[in-house]
PDB file of N, CA and C in Angstrom:
ATOM      1  N   MET A   1       9.792   2.593   3.403  1.00  0.00           N
ATOM      2  CA  MET A   1      10.118   1.242   3.778  1.00  0.00           C
ATOM      3  C   MET A   1      10.535   1.190   5.241  1.00  0.00           C
ATOM      4  N   ALA A   2      11.330   2.127   5.675  1.00  0.00           N
ATOM      5  CA  ALA A   2      11.789   2.116   7.058  1.00  0.00           C
ATOM      6  C   ALA A   2      10.643   2.391   8.027  1.00  0.00           C
ATOM      7  N   SER A   3       9.755   3.294   7.675  1.00  0.00           N
ATOM      8  CA  SER A   3       8.661   3.608   8.588  1.00  0.00           C
ATOM      9  C   SER A   3       7.586   2.529   8.582  1.00  0.00           C
ATOM     10  N   GLY A   4       7.559   1.695   7.546  1.00  0.00           N
ATOM     11  CA  GLY A   4       6.580   0.615   7.478  1.00  0.00           C
ATOM     12  C   GLY A   4       7.071  -0.678   8.108  1.00  0.00           C
ATOM     13  N   TRP A   5       8.326  -0.728   8.484  1.00  0.00           N
ATOM     14  CA  TRP A   5       8.924  -1.885   9.138  1.00  0.00           C
ATOM     15  C   TRP A   5       8.853  -3.147   8.290  1.00  0.00           C
ATOM     16  N   PHE A   6       9.108  -3.007   6.971  1.00  0.00           N
ATOM     17  CA  PHE A   6       9.203  -4.234   6.181  1.00  0.00           C
ATOM     18  C   PHE A   6      10.569  -4.340   5.536  1.00  0.00           C
ATOM     19  N   ARG A   7      10.949  -5.560   5.238  1.00  0.00           N
ATOM     20  CA  ARG A   7      12.293  -5.855   4.758  1.00  0.00           C
ATOM     21  C   ARG A   7      12.406  -5.642   3.252  1.00  0.00           C
ATOM     22  N   ILE A   8      13.633  -5.544   2.778  1.00  0.00           N
ATOM     23  CA  ILE A   8      13.896  -5.344   1.353  1.00  0.00           C
ATOM     24  C   ILE A   8      13.286  -6.482   0.537  1.00  0.00           C
ATOM     25  N   GLY A   9      13.321  -7.689   1.027  1.00  0.00           N
ATOM     26  CA  GLY A   9      12.775  -8.838   0.309  1.00  0.00           C
ATOM     27  C   GLY A   9      11.275  -8.757   0.083  1.00  0.00           C
ATOM     28  N   ALA A  10      10.581  -7.913   0.812  1.00  0.00           N
ATOM     29  CA  ALA A  10       9.134  -7.775   0.646  1.00  0.00           C
ATOM     30  C   ALA A  10       8.778  -7.182  -0.705  1.00  0.00           C
ATOM     31  N   TRP A  11       9.654  -6.371  -1.282  1.00  0.00           N
ATOM     32  CA  TRP A  11       9.376  -5.757  -2.583  1.00  0.00           C
ATOM     33  C   TRP A  11       9.168  -6.812  -3.666  1.00  0.00           C
ATOM     34  N   ASP A  12       9.831  -7.953  -3.532  1.00  0.00           N
ATOM     35  CA  ASP A  12       9.703  -9.017  -4.538  1.00  0.00           C
ATOM     36  C   ASP A  12       8.310  -9.630  -4.564  1.00  0.00           C
ATOM     37  N   HIS A  13       7.556  -9.492  -3.494  1.00  0.00           N
ATOM     38  CA  HIS A  13       6.248 -10.131  -3.383  1.00  0.00           C
ATOM     39  C   HIS A  13       5.079  -9.162  -3.529  1.00  0.00           C
ATOM     40  N   LEU A  14       5.362  -7.882  -3.765  1.00  0.00           N
ATOM     41  CA  LEU A  14       4.291  -6.904  -3.930  1.00  0.00           C
ATOM     42  C   LEU A  14       3.711  -6.983  -5.346  1.00  0.00           C
ATOM     43  N   HIS A  15       2.405  -6.861  -5.443  1.00  0.00           N
ATOM     44  CA  HIS A  15       1.699  -6.821  -6.718  1.00  0.00           C
ATOM     45  C   HIS A  15       0.798  -5.591  -6.707  1.00  0.00           C
ATOM     46  N   TRP A  16       0.295  -5.204  -7.872  1.00  0.00           N
ATOM     47  CA  TRP A  16      -0.574  -4.034  -7.955  1.00  0.00           C
ATOM     48  C   TRP A  16      -1.799  -4.184  -7.082  1.00  0.00           C
ATOM     49  N   LYS A  17      -2.294  -5.404  -6.911  1.00  0.00           N
ATOM     50  CA  LYS A  17      -3.499  -5.616  -6.095  1.00  0.00           C
ATOM     51  C   LYS A  17      -3.254  -5.340  -4.613  1.00  0.00           C
ATOM     52  N   HIS A  18      -1.999  -5.231  -4.197  1.00  0.00           N
ATOM     53  CA  HIS A  18      -1.667  -4.971  -2.796  1.00  0.00           C
ATOM     54  C   HIS A  18      -1.659  -3.480  -2.465  1.00  0.00           C
ATOM     55  N   GLY A  19      -1.911  -2.637  -3.464  1.00  0.00           N
ATOM     56  CA  GLY A  19      -1.960  -1.194  -3.235  1.00  0.00           C
ATOM     57  C   GLY A  19      -3.392  -0.694  -3.271  1.00  0.00           C
ATOM     58  N   SER A  20      -3.744   0.172  -2.320  1.00  0.00           N
ATOM     59  CA  SER A  20      -5.080   0.768  -2.272  1.00  0.00           C
ATOM     60  C   SER A  20      -4.944   2.283  -2.291  1.00  0.00           C
ATOM     61  N   PRO A  21      -5.594   2.946  -3.247  1.00  0.00           N
ATOM     62  CA  PRO A  21      -5.480   4.412  -3.294  1.00  0.00           C
ATOM     63  C   PRO A  21      -6.269   5.077  -2.176  1.00  0.00           C
ATOM     64  N   ILE A  22      -5.755   6.188  -1.705  1.00  0.00           N
ATOM     65  CA  ILE A  22      -6.445   7.035  -0.738  1.00  0.00           C
ATOM     66  C   ILE A  22      -6.725   8.342  -1.460  1.00  0.00           C
ATOM     67  N   THR A  23      -8.003   8.703  -1.549  1.00  0.00           N
ATOM     68  CA  THR A  23      -8.390   9.865  -2.340  1.00  0.00           C
ATOM     69  C   THR A  23      -8.855  11.016  -1.466  1.00  0.00           C
ATOM     70  N   ASN A  24      -8.867  12.187  -2.068  1.00  0.00           N
ATOM     71  CA  ASN A  24      -9.389  13.383  -1.437  1.00  0.00           C
ATOM     72  C   ASN A  24     -10.885  13.423  -1.752  1.00  0.00           C
ATOM     73  N   LYS A  25     -11.705  12.937  -0.852  1.00  0.00           N
ATOM     74  CA  LYS A  25     -13.133  12.773  -1.103  1.00  0.00           C
ATOM     75  C   LYS A  25     -13.915  14.082  -1.007  1.00  0.00           C
ATOM     76  N   LYS A  26     -13.279  15.156  -0.601  1.00  0.00           N
ATOM     77  CA  LYS A  26     -13.973  16.432  -0.459  1.00  0.00           C
ATOM     78  C   LYS A  26     -14.236  17.083  -1.813  1.00  0.00           C
ATOM     79  N   GLU A  27     -13.459  16.726  -2.814  1.00  0.00           N
ATOM     80  CA  GLU A  27     -13.608  17.323  -4.130  1.00  0.00           C
ATOM     81  C   GLU A  27     -14.534  16.482  -4.999  1.00  0.00           C
ATOM     82  N   VAL A  28     -15.109  17.112  -6.021  1.00  0.00           N
ATOM     83  CA  VAL A  28     -15.993  16.399  -6.947  1.00  0.00           C
ATOM     84  C   VAL A  28     -15.190  15.357  -7.716  1.00  0.00           C
ATOM     85  N   ASP A  29     -14.068  15.753  -8.266  1.00  0.00           N
ATOM     86  CA  ASP A  29     -13.176  14.823  -8.964  1.00  0.00           C
ATOM     87  C   ASP A  29     -12.096  14.386  -7.980  1.00  0.00           C
ATOM     88  N   ALA A  30     -12.369  13.324  -7.253  1.00  0.00           N
ATOM     89  CA  ALA A  30     -11.444  12.870  -6.215  1.00  0.00           C
ATOM     90  C   ALA A  30     -10.101  12.497  -6.836  1.00  0.00           C
ATOM     91  N   GLU A  31      -9.034  13.040  -6.278  1.00  0.00           N
ATOM     92  CA  GLU A  31      -7.699  12.717  -6.761  1.00  0.00           C
ATOM     93  C   GLU A  31      -6.989  11.842  -5.746  1.00  0.00           C
ATOM     94  N   VAL A  32      -6.103  10.996  -6.226  1.00  0.00           N
ATOM     95  CA  VAL A  32      -5.322  10.131  -5.354  1.00  0.00           C
ATOM     96  C   VAL A  32      -4.270  10.983  -4.668  1.00  0.00           C
ATOM     97  N   ILE A  33      -4.270  10.961  -3.330  1.00  0.00           N
ATOM     98  CA  ILE A  33      -3.305  11.769  -2.582  1.00  0.00           C
ATOM     99  C   ILE A  33      -2.283  10.911  -1.848  1.00  0.00           C
ATOM    100  N   ALA A  34      -2.558   9.607  -1.745  1.00  0.00           N
ATOM    101  CA  ALA A  34      -1.638   8.687  -1.080  1.00  0.00           C
ATOM    102  C   ALA A  34      -2.034   7.267  -1.462  1.00  0.00           C
ATOM    103  N   ALA A  35      -1.280   6.308  -0.974  1.00  0.00           N
ATOM    104  CA  ALA A  35      -1.612   4.905  -1.214  1.00  0.00           C
ATOM    105  C   ALA A  35      -1.264   4.085   0.019  1.00  0.00           C
ATOM    106  N   LYS A  36      -2.006   3.023   0.202  1.00  0.00           N
ATOM    107  CA  LYS A  36      -1.775   2.108   1.316  1.00  0.00           C
ATOM    108  C   LYS A  36      -1.285   0.794   0.719  1.00  0.00           C
ATOM    109  N   LEU A  37      -0.197   0.240   1.267  1.00  0.00           N
ATOM    110  CA  LEU A  37       0.354  -1.012   0.780  1.00  0.00           C
ATOM    111  C   LEU A  37       0.068  -2.143   1.760  1.00  0.00           C
ATOM    112  N   LEU A  38      -0.311  -3.278   1.215  1.00  0.00           N
ATOM    113  CA  LEU A  38      -0.478  -4.490   2.012  1.00  0.00           C
ATOM    114  C   LEU A  38       0.785  -5.315   1.814  1.00  0.00           C
ATOM    115  N   VAL A  39       1.598  -5.399   2.852  1.00  0.00           N
ATOM    116  CA  VAL A  39       2.873  -6.097   2.772  1.00  0.00           C
ATOM    117  C   VAL A  39       2.723  -7.465   3.417  1.00  0.00           C
ATOM    118  N   TYR A  40       3.364  -8.454   2.846  1.00  0.00           N
ATOM    119  CA  TYR A  40       3.302  -9.835   3.313  1.00  0.00           C
ATOM    120  C   TYR A  40       1.875 -10.373   3.250  1.00  0.00           C
ATOM    121  N   ALA A  41       1.208 -10.195   2.124  1.00  0.00           N
ATOM    122  CA  ALA A  41      -0.157 -10.676   1.963  1.00  0.00           C
ATOM    123  C   ALA A  41      -0.215 -12.191   2.133  1.00  0.00           C
ATOM    124  N   ASP A  42      -1.251 -12.657   2.805  1.00  0.00           N
ATOM    125  CA  ASP A  42      -1.487 -14.083   3.060  1.00  0.00           C
ATOM    126  C   ASP A  42      -0.391 -14.733   3.902  1.00  0.00           C
ATOM    127  N   GLU A  43       0.296 -13.953   4.691  1.00  0.00           N
ATOM    128  CA  GLU A  43       1.329 -14.458   5.590  1.00  0.00           C
ATOM    129  C   GLU A  43       0.944 -14.093   7.022  1.00  0.00           C
ATOM    130  N   PRO A  44       1.455 -14.786   8.034  1.00  0.00           N
ATOM    131  CA  PRO A  44       1.146 -14.431   9.419  1.00  0.00           C
ATOM    132  C   PRO A  44       1.591 -13.004   9.786  1.00  0.00           C
ATOM    133  N   GLU A  45       2.608 -12.483   9.097  1.00  0.00           N
ATOM    134  CA  GLU A  45       3.113 -11.145   9.402  1.00  0.00           C
ATOM    135  C   GLU A  45       2.315 -10.037   8.719  1.00  0.00           C
ATOM    136  N   GLU A  46       1.254 -10.364   7.987  1.00  0.00           N
ATOM    137  CA  GLU A  46       0.478  -9.378   7.210  1.00  0.00           C
ATOM    138  C   GLU A  46       0.084  -8.186   7.998  1.00  0.00           C
TER     139      GLU A  46
END
């Protein structure tokens, strides 16, 4: 949260659709190694 520069109140507006998995594409069975969050969706601060 601190490194992403978003406020505590942003957690109330996060939904599952705001997360995007980042996979290890080098393997045959790609595993999720991280995730990207879209904070303040549909807002000017997005």
